[in-house]
Amino acid sequence: MGSLSIWHWLIFLAVVVVVFGTKKLRNVGGDLAGAVKGFKDGMKDGSTEATANKAAPDAAAQVTGQTIDVESHRETTKS
């Protein structure tokens, strides 16, 4: 009962084509392809921005010549 045969899929496809028409289906396919391409480009840009953001604080410290020494900010008590 859960599986559909090839005839069910062909009838479903025929109904979809009759209801929406081939022009709308072609536009939907083009829009979907554009969305997938945009998503892939966004993922590539996001990964390059993430690596650039990791390197940016080190570059900023080198440009200004300022470094923070963590040990000097800790208070030590001598007995």
PDB file of N, CA and C in Angstrom:
ATOM      1  N   MET A   1       0.809  -1.188   0.000  1.00  0.00           N
ATOM      2  CA  MET A   1       0.000   0.000   0.000  1.00  0.00           C
ATOM      3  C   MET A   1       0.856   1.257   0.000  1.00  0.00           C
ATOM      4  N   GLY A   2       2.060   1.195   0.593  1.00  0.00           N
ATOM      5  CA  GLY A   2       2.893   2.373   0.720  1.00  0.00           C
ATOM      6  C   GLY A   2       3.666   2.728  -0.539  1.00  0.00           C
ATOM      7  N   SER A   3       3.955   1.773  -1.390  1.00  0.00           N
ATOM      8  CA  SER A   3       4.749   2.080  -2.572  1.00  0.00           C
ATOM      9  C   SER A   3       3.850   2.394  -3.762  1.00  0.00           C
ATOM     10  N   LEU A   4       4.346   3.251  -4.619  1.00  0.00           N
ATOM     11  CA  LEU A   4       3.595   3.631  -5.817  1.00  0.00           C
ATOM     12  C   LEU A   4       4.267   3.022  -7.038  1.00  0.00           C
ATOM     13  N   SER A   5       3.455   2.553  -7.950  1.00  0.00           N
ATOM     14  CA  SER A   5       4.010   1.961  -9.171  1.00  0.00           C
ATOM     15  C   SER A   5       4.320   3.063 -10.177  1.00  0.00           C
ATOM     16  N   ILE A   6       4.922   2.681 -11.270  1.00  0.00           N
ATOM     17  CA  ILE A   6       5.267   3.639 -12.320  1.00  0.00           C
ATOM     18  C   ILE A   6       4.020   4.281 -12.909  1.00  0.00           C
ATOM     19  N   TRP A   7       2.914   3.543 -12.945  1.00  0.00           N
ATOM     20  CA  TRP A   7       1.674   4.086 -13.501  1.00  0.00           C
ATOM     21  C   TRP A   7       1.116   5.196 -12.625  1.00  0.00           C
ATOM     22  N   HIS A   8       1.251   5.057 -11.334  1.00  0.00           N
ATOM     23  CA  HIS A   8       0.810   6.123 -10.431  1.00  0.00           C
ATOM     24  C   HIS A   8       1.602   7.401 -10.679  1.00  0.00           C
ATOM     25  N   TRP A   9       2.921   7.259 -10.839  1.00  0.00           N
ATOM     26  CA  TRP A   9       3.774   8.424 -11.061  1.00  0.00           C
ATOM     27  C   TRP A   9       3.481   9.070 -12.415  1.00  0.00           C
ATOM     28  N   LEU A  10       3.217   8.269 -13.444  1.00  0.00           N
ATOM     29  CA  LEU A  10       2.899   8.824 -14.763  1.00  0.00           C
ATOM     30  C   LEU A  10       1.573   9.584 -14.756  1.00  0.00           C
ATOM     31  N   ILE A  11       0.587   9.036 -14.072  1.00  0.00           N
ATOM     32  CA  ILE A  11      -0.695   9.739 -13.964  1.00  0.00           C
ATOM     33  C   ILE A  11      -0.530  11.027 -13.175  1.00  0.00           C
ATOM     34  N   PHE A  12       0.219  10.976 -12.100  1.00  0.00           N
ATOM     35  CA  PHE A  12       0.479  12.175 -11.302  1.00  0.00           C
ATOM     36  C   PHE A  12       1.193  13.245 -12.128  1.00  0.00           C
ATOM     37  N   LEU A  13       2.191  12.842 -12.894  1.00  0.00           N
ATOM     38  CA  LEU A  13       2.925  13.770 -13.742  1.00  0.00           C
ATOM     39  C   LEU A  13       2.020  14.396 -14.808  1.00  0.00           C
ATOM     40  N   ALA A  14       1.138  13.586 -15.377  1.00  0.00           N
ATOM     41  CA  ALA A  14       0.206  14.097 -16.385  1.00  0.00           C
ATOM     42  C   ALA A  14      -0.744  15.123 -15.774  1.00  0.00           C
ATOM     43  N   VAL A  15      -1.231  14.867 -14.579  1.00  0.00           N
ATOM     44  CA  VAL A  15      -2.130  15.808 -13.907  1.00  0.00           C
ATOM     45  C   VAL A  15      -1.404  17.109 -13.590  1.00  0.00           C
ATOM     46  N   VAL A  16      -0.175  17.021 -13.135  1.00  0.00           N
ATOM     47  CA  VAL A  16       0.608  18.221 -12.817  1.00  0.00           C
ATOM     48  C   VAL A  16       0.841  19.053 -14.079  1.00  0.00           C
ATOM     49  N   VAL A  17       1.155  18.409 -15.188  1.00  0.00           N
ATOM     50  CA  VAL A  17       1.376  19.129 -16.448  1.00  0.00           C
ATOM     51  C   VAL A  17       0.091  19.782 -16.919  1.00  0.00           C
ATOM     52  N   VAL A  18      -1.025  19.115 -16.785  1.00  0.00           N
ATOM     53  CA  VAL A  18      -2.306  19.688 -17.204  1.00  0.00           C
ATOM     54  C   VAL A  18      -2.674  20.877 -16.324  1.00  0.00           C
ATOM     55  N   VAL A  19      -2.470  20.759 -15.031  1.00  0.00           N
ATOM     56  CA  VAL A  19      -2.852  21.827 -14.110  1.00  0.00           C
ATOM     57  C   VAL A  19      -1.946  23.039 -14.254  1.00  0.00           C
ATOM     58  N   PHE A  20      -0.648  22.844 -14.274  1.00  0.00           N
ATOM     59  CA  PHE A  20       0.277  23.964 -14.268  1.00  0.00           C
ATOM     60  C   PHE A  20       0.744  24.370 -15.659  1.00  0.00           C
ATOM     61  N   GLY A  21       0.799  23.486 -16.583  1.00  0.00           N
ATOM     62  CA  GLY A  21       1.311  23.794 -17.911  1.00  0.00           C
ATOM     63  C   GLY A  21       2.824  23.675 -17.956  1.00  0.00           C
ATOM     64  N   THR A  22       3.343  23.488 -19.159  1.00  0.00           N
ATOM     65  CA  THR A  22       4.784  23.270 -19.292  1.00  0.00           C
ATOM     66  C   THR A  22       5.584  24.541 -19.066  1.00  0.00           C
ATOM     67  N   LYS A  23       5.017  25.699 -19.400  1.00  0.00           N
ATOM     68  CA  LYS A  23       5.767  26.949 -19.234  1.00  0.00           C
ATOM     69  C   LYS A  23       6.030  27.243 -17.759  1.00  0.00           C
ATOM     70  N   LYS A  24       5.019  27.081 -16.919  1.00  0.00           N
ATOM     71  CA  LYS A  24       5.212  27.326 -15.483  1.00  0.00           C
ATOM     72  C   LYS A  24       6.180  26.314 -14.882  1.00  0.00           C
ATOM     73  N   LEU A  25       6.071  25.067 -15.329  1.00  0.00           N
ATOM     74  CA  LEU A  25       6.984  24.046 -14.811  1.00  0.00           C
ATOM     75  C   LEU A  25       8.422  24.340 -15.213  1.00  0.00           C
ATOM     76  N   ARG A  26       8.627  24.858 -16.423  1.00  0.00           N
ATOM     77  CA  ARG A  26       9.969  25.224 -16.875  1.00  0.00           C
ATOM     78  C   ARG A  26      10.509  26.380 -16.032  1.00  0.00           C
ATOM     79  N   ASN A  27       9.651  27.355 -15.736  1.00  0.00           N
ATOM     80  CA  ASN A  27      10.077  28.489 -14.898  1.00  0.00           C
ATOM     81  C   ASN A  27      10.423  28.041 -13.482  1.00  0.00           C
ATOM     82  N   VAL A  28       9.630  27.124 -12.947  1.00  0.00           N
ATOM     83  CA  VAL A  28       9.893  26.618 -11.599  1.00  0.00           C
ATOM     84  C   VAL A  28      11.231  25.885 -11.572  1.00  0.00           C
ATOM     85  N   GLY A  29      11.499  25.096 -12.616  1.00  0.00           N
ATOM     86  CA  GLY A  29      12.777  24.387 -12.683  1.00  0.00           C
ATOM     87  C   GLY A  29      13.954  25.343 -12.760  1.00  0.00           C
ATOM     88  N   GLY A  30      13.818  26.414 -13.544  1.00  0.00           N
ATOM     89  CA  GLY A  30      14.892  27.411 -13.644  1.00  0.00           C
ATOM     90  C   GLY A  30      15.104  28.147 -12.332  1.00  0.00           C
ATOM     91  N   ASP A  31      14.009  28.474 -11.652  1.00  0.00           N
ATOM     92  CA  ASP A  31      14.119  29.149 -10.357  1.00  0.00           C
ATOM     93  C   ASP A  31      14.781  28.254  -9.316  1.00  0.00           C
ATOM     94  N   LEU A  32      14.422  26.977  -9.342  1.00  0.00           N
ATOM     95  CA  LEU A  32      15.025  26.040  -8.398  1.00  0.00           C
ATOM     96  C   LEU A  32      16.519  25.876  -8.653  1.00  0.00           C
ATOM     97  N   ALA A  33      16.891  25.802  -9.920  1.00  0.00           N
ATOM     98  CA  ALA A  33      18.315  25.686 -10.256  1.00  0.00           C
ATOM     99  C   ALA A  33      19.083  26.934  -9.823  1.00  0.00           C
ATOM    100  N   GLY A  34      18.487  28.111 -10.012  1.00  0.00           N
ATOM    101  CA  GLY A  34      19.128  29.355  -9.576  1.00  0.00           C
ATOM    102  C   GLY A  34      19.286  29.420  -8.070  1.00  0.00           C
ATOM    103  N   ALA A  35      18.288  28.911  -7.351  1.00  0.00           N
ATOM    104  CA  ALA A  35      18.371  28.904  -5.890  1.00  0.00           C
ATOM    105  C   ALA A  35      19.466  27.970  -5.401  1.00  0.00           C
ATOM    106  N   VAL A  36      19.591  26.813  -6.024  1.00  0.00           N
ATOM    107  CA  VAL A  36      20.638  25.861  -5.638  1.00  0.00           C
ATOM    108  C   VAL A  36      22.017  26.448  -5.920  1.00  0.00           C
ATOM    109  N   LYS A  37      22.165  27.102  -7.072  1.00  0.00           N
ATOM    110  CA  LYS A  37      23.446  27.721  -7.416  1.00  0.00           C
ATOM    111  C   LYS A  37      23.792  28.844  -6.437  1.00  0.00           C
ATOM    112  N   GLY A  38      22.794  29.652  -6.096  1.00  0.00           N
ATOM    113  CA  GLY A  38      23.019  30.718  -5.120  1.00  0.00           C
ATOM    114  C   GLY A  38      23.408  30.180  -3.758  1.00  0.00           C
ATOM    115  N   PHE A  39      22.792  29.070  -3.365  1.00  0.00           N
ATOM    116  CA  PHE A  39      23.128  28.451  -2.083  1.00  0.00           C
ATOM    117  C   PHE A  39      24.562  27.950  -2.076  1.00  0.00           C
ATOM    118  N   LYS A  40      24.973  27.313  -3.165  1.00  0.00           N
ATOM    119  CA  LYS A  40      26.348  26.809  -3.249  1.00  0.00           C
ATOM    120  C   LYS A  40      27.348  27.958  -3.229  1.00  0.00           C
ATOM    121  N   ASP A  41      27.054  29.042  -3.951  1.00  0.00           N
ATOM    122  CA  ASP A  41      27.948  30.201  -3.943  1.00  0.00           C
ATOM    123  C   ASP A  41      28.020  30.818  -2.552  1.00  0.00           C
ATOM    124  N   GLY A  42      26.886  30.873  -1.871  1.00  0.00           N
ATOM    125  CA  GLY A  42      26.857  31.402  -0.515  1.00  0.00           C
ATOM    126  C   GLY A  42      27.678  30.567   0.451  1.00  0.00           C
ATOM    127  N   MET A  43      27.621  29.259   0.280  1.00  0.00           N
ATOM    128  CA  MET A  43      28.416  28.384   1.141  1.00  0.00           C
ATOM    129  C   MET A  43      29.907  28.576   0.890  1.00  0.00           C
ATOM    130  N   LYS A  44      30.293  28.768  -0.368  1.00  0.00           N
ATOM    131  CA  LYS A  44      31.704  29.008  -0.681  1.00  0.00           C
ATOM    132  C   LYS A  44      32.149  30.345  -0.102  1.00  0.00           C
ATOM    133  N   ASP A  45      31.326  31.394  -0.261  1.00  0.00           N
ATOM    134  CA  ASP A  45      31.671  32.707   0.272  1.00  0.00           C
ATOM    135  C   ASP A  45      31.736  32.679   1.790  1.00  0.00           C
ATOM    136  N   GLY A  46      30.843  31.943   2.418  1.00  0.00           N
ATOM    137  CA  GLY A  46      30.836  31.847   3.876  1.00  0.00           C
ATOM    138  C   GLY A  46      32.085  31.181   4.407  1.00  0.00           C
ATOM    139  N   SER A  47      32.571  30.166   3.708  1.00  0.00           N
ATOM    140  CA  SER A  47      33.764  29.479   4.195  1.00  0.00           C
ATOM    141  C   SER A  47      35.005  30.343   3.994  1.00  0.00           C
ATOM    142  N   THR A  48      35.061  31.136   2.923  1.00  0.00           N
ATOM    143  CA  THR A  48      36.212  32.013   2.725  1.00  0.00           C
ATOM    144  C   THR A  48      36.169  33.187   3.697  1.00  0.00           C
ATOM    145  N   GLU A  49      34.960  33.674   4.032  1.00  0.00           N
ATOM    146  CA  GLU A  49      34.854  34.755   5.007  1.00  0.00           C
ATOM    147  C   GLU A  49      35.235  34.262   6.395  1.00  0.00           C
ATOM    148  N   ALA A  50      34.882  33.035   6.712  1.00  0.00           N
ATOM    149  CA  ALA A  50      35.222  32.488   8.023  1.00  0.00           C
ATOM    150  C   ALA A  50      36.732  32.365   8.184  1.00  0.00           C
ATOM    151  N   THR A  51      37.420  31.916   7.149  1.00  0.00           N
ATOM    152  CA  THR A  51      38.869  31.808   7.247  1.00  0.00           C
ATOM    153  C   THR A  51      39.503  33.197   7.249  1.00  0.00           C
ATOM    154  N   ALA A  52      38.905  34.148   6.551  1.00  0.00           N
ATOM    155  CA  ALA A  52      39.434  35.513   6.557  1.00  0.00           C
ATOM    156  C   ALA A  52      39.235  36.154   7.926  1.00  0.00           C
ATOM    157  N   ASN A  53      38.107  35.885   8.586  1.00  0.00           N
ATOM    158  CA  ASN A  53      37.849  36.452   9.909  1.00  0.00           C
ATOM    159  C   ASN A  53      38.768  35.860  10.957  1.00  0.00           C
ATOM    160  N   LYS A  54      39.169  34.612  10.807  1.00  0.00           N
ATOM    161  CA  LYS A  54      40.105  34.012  11.747  1.00  0.00           C
ATOM    162  C   LYS A  54      41.480  34.651  11.625  1.00  0.00           C
ATOM    163  N   ALA A  55      41.874  35.011  10.425  1.00  0.00           N
ATOM    164  CA  ALA A  55      43.186  35.601  10.211  1.00  0.00           C
ATOM    165  C   ALA A  55      43.188  37.097  10.483  1.00  0.00           C
ATOM    166  N   ALA A  56      42.050  37.742  10.458  1.00  0.00           N
ATOM    167  CA  ALA A  56      41.967  39.193  10.605  1.00  0.00           C
ATOM    168  C   ALA A  56      42.481  39.702  11.951  1.00  0.00           C
ATOM    169  N   PRO A  57      42.155  39.111  13.115  1.00  0.00           N
ATOM    170  CA  PRO A  57      42.684  39.642  14.371  1.00  0.00           C
ATOM    171  C   PRO A  57      44.205  39.585  14.440  1.00  0.00           C
ATOM    172  N   ASP A  58      44.827  38.539  13.929  1.00  0.00           N
ATOM    173  CA  ASP A  58      46.280  38.464  13.929  1.00  0.00           C
ATOM    174  C   ASP A  58      46.875  39.542  13.042  1.00  0.00           C
ATOM    175  N   ALA A  59      46.259  39.764  11.895  1.00  0.00           N
ATOM    176  CA  ALA A  59      46.754  40.791  10.973  1.00  0.00           C
ATOM    177  C   ALA A  59      46.604  42.165  11.592  1.00  0.00           C
ATOM    178  N   ALA A  60      45.493  42.416  12.304  1.00  0.00           N
ATOM    179  CA  ALA A  60      45.279  43.722  12.928  1.00  0.00           C
ATOM    180  C   ALA A  60      46.301  43.962  14.029  1.00  0.00           C
ATOM    181  N   ALA A  61      46.646  42.933  14.784  1.00  0.00           N
ATOM    182  CA  ALA A  61      47.641  43.093  15.842  1.00  0.00           C
ATOM    183  C   ALA A  61      49.013  43.378  15.247  1.00  0.00           C
ATOM    184  N   GLN A  62      49.336  42.786  14.132  1.00  0.00           N
ATOM    185  CA  GLN A  62      50.623  43.023  13.510  1.00  0.00           C
ATOM    186  C   GLN A  62      50.687  44.412  12.904  1.00  0.00           C
ATOM    187  N   VAL A  63      49.592  44.884  12.372  1.00  0.00           N
ATOM    188  CA  VAL A  63      49.585  46.204  11.756  1.00  0.00           C
ATOM    189  C   VAL A  63      49.767  47.281  12.810  1.00  0.00           C
ATOM    190  N   THR A  64      49.067  47.174  13.938  1.00  0.00           N
ATOM    191  CA  THR A  64      49.161  48.198  14.967  1.00  0.00           C
ATOM    192  C   THR A  64      50.364  47.999  15.865  1.00  0.00           C
ATOM    193  N   GLY A  65      50.941  46.827  15.875  1.00  0.00           N
ATOM    194  CA  GLY A  65      52.102  46.576  16.705  1.00  0.00           C
ATOM    195  C   GLY A  65      51.735  46.315  18.149  1.00  0.00           C
ATOM    196  N   GLN A  66      50.463  46.122  18.449  1.00  0.00           N
ATOM    197  CA  GLN A  66      50.030  45.889  19.813  1.00  0.00           C
ATOM    198  C   GLN A  66      49.776  44.406  20.017  1.00  0.00           C
ATOM    199  N   THR A  67      50.329  43.901  21.096  1.00  0.00           N
ATOM    200  CA  THR A  67      50.039  42.524  21.483  1.00  0.00           C
ATOM    201  C   THR A  67      49.619  42.534  22.938  1.00  0.00           C
ATOM    202  N   ILE A  68      48.848  41.584  23.310  1.00  0.00           N
ATOM    203  CA  ILE A  68      48.379  41.501  24.689  1.00  0.00           C
ATOM    204  C   ILE A  68      49.041  40.297  25.335  1.00  0.00           C
ATOM    205  N   ASP A  69      49.760  40.563  26.398  1.00  0.00           N
ATOM    206  CA  ASP A  69      50.408  39.500  27.145  1.00  0.00           C
ATOM    207  C   ASP A  69      49.485  39.107  28.290  1.00  0.00           C
ATOM    208  N   VAL A  70      48.977  37.907  28.245  1.00  0.00           N
ATOM    209  CA  VAL A  70      48.013  37.452  29.230  1.00  0.00           C
ATOM    210  C   VAL A  70      48.659  37.322  30.597  1.00  0.00           C
ATOM    211  N   GLU A  71      49.894  36.908  30.649  1.00  0.00           N
ATOM    212  CA  GLU A  71      50.575  36.712  31.924  1.00  0.00           C
ATOM    213  C   GLU A  71      50.747  38.026  32.672  1.00  0.00           C
ATOM    214  N   SER A  72      50.937  39.120  31.993  1.00  0.00           N
ATOM    215  CA  SER A  72      51.165  40.398  32.673  1.00  0.00           C
ATOM    216  C   SER A  72      49.886  40.948  33.280  1.00  0.00           C
ATOM    217  N   HIS A  73      48.755  40.506  32.823  1.00  0.00           N
ATOM    218  CA  HIS A  73      47.493  41.002  33.359  1.00  0.00           C
ATOM    219  C   HIS A  73      47.042  40.232  34.610  1.00  0.00           C
ATOM    220  N   ARG A  74      47.654  39.123  34.900  1.00  0.00           N
ATOM    221  CA  ARG A  74      47.302  38.329  36.076  1.00  0.00           C
ATOM    222  C   ARG A  74      48.040  38.860  37.288  1.00  0.00           C
ATOM    223  N   GLU A  75      47.324  38.988  38.389  1.00  0.00           N
ATOM    224  CA  GLU A  75      47.974  39.438  39.614  1.00  0.00           C
ATOM    225  C   GLU A  75      48.601  38.231  40.309  1.00  0.00           C
ATOM    226  N   THR A  76      49.823  38.432  40.715  1.00  0.00           N
ATOM    227  CA  THR A  76      50.493  37.367  41.442  1.00  0.00           C
ATOM    228  C   THR A  76      50.808  37.862  42.841  1.00  0.00           C
ATOM    229  N   THR A  77      50.627  37.020  43.776  1.00  0.00           N
ATOM    230  CA  THR A  77      50.948  37.379  45.163  1.00  0.00           C
ATOM    231  C   THR A  77      52.164  36.589  45.591  1.00  0.00           C
ATOM    232  N   LYS A  78      53.086  37.286  46.163  1.00  0.00           N
ATOM    233  CA  LYS A  78      54.300  36.623  46.649  1.00  0.00           C
ATOM    234  C   LYS A  78      54.219  36.558  48.175  1.00  0.00           C
ATOM    235  N   SER A  79      54.571  35.414  48.719  1.00  0.00           N
ATOM    236  CA  SER A  79      54.498  35.291  50.175  1.00  0.00           C
ATOM    237  C   SER A  79      55.842  35.440  50.795  1.00  0.00           C
TER     238      SER A  79
END
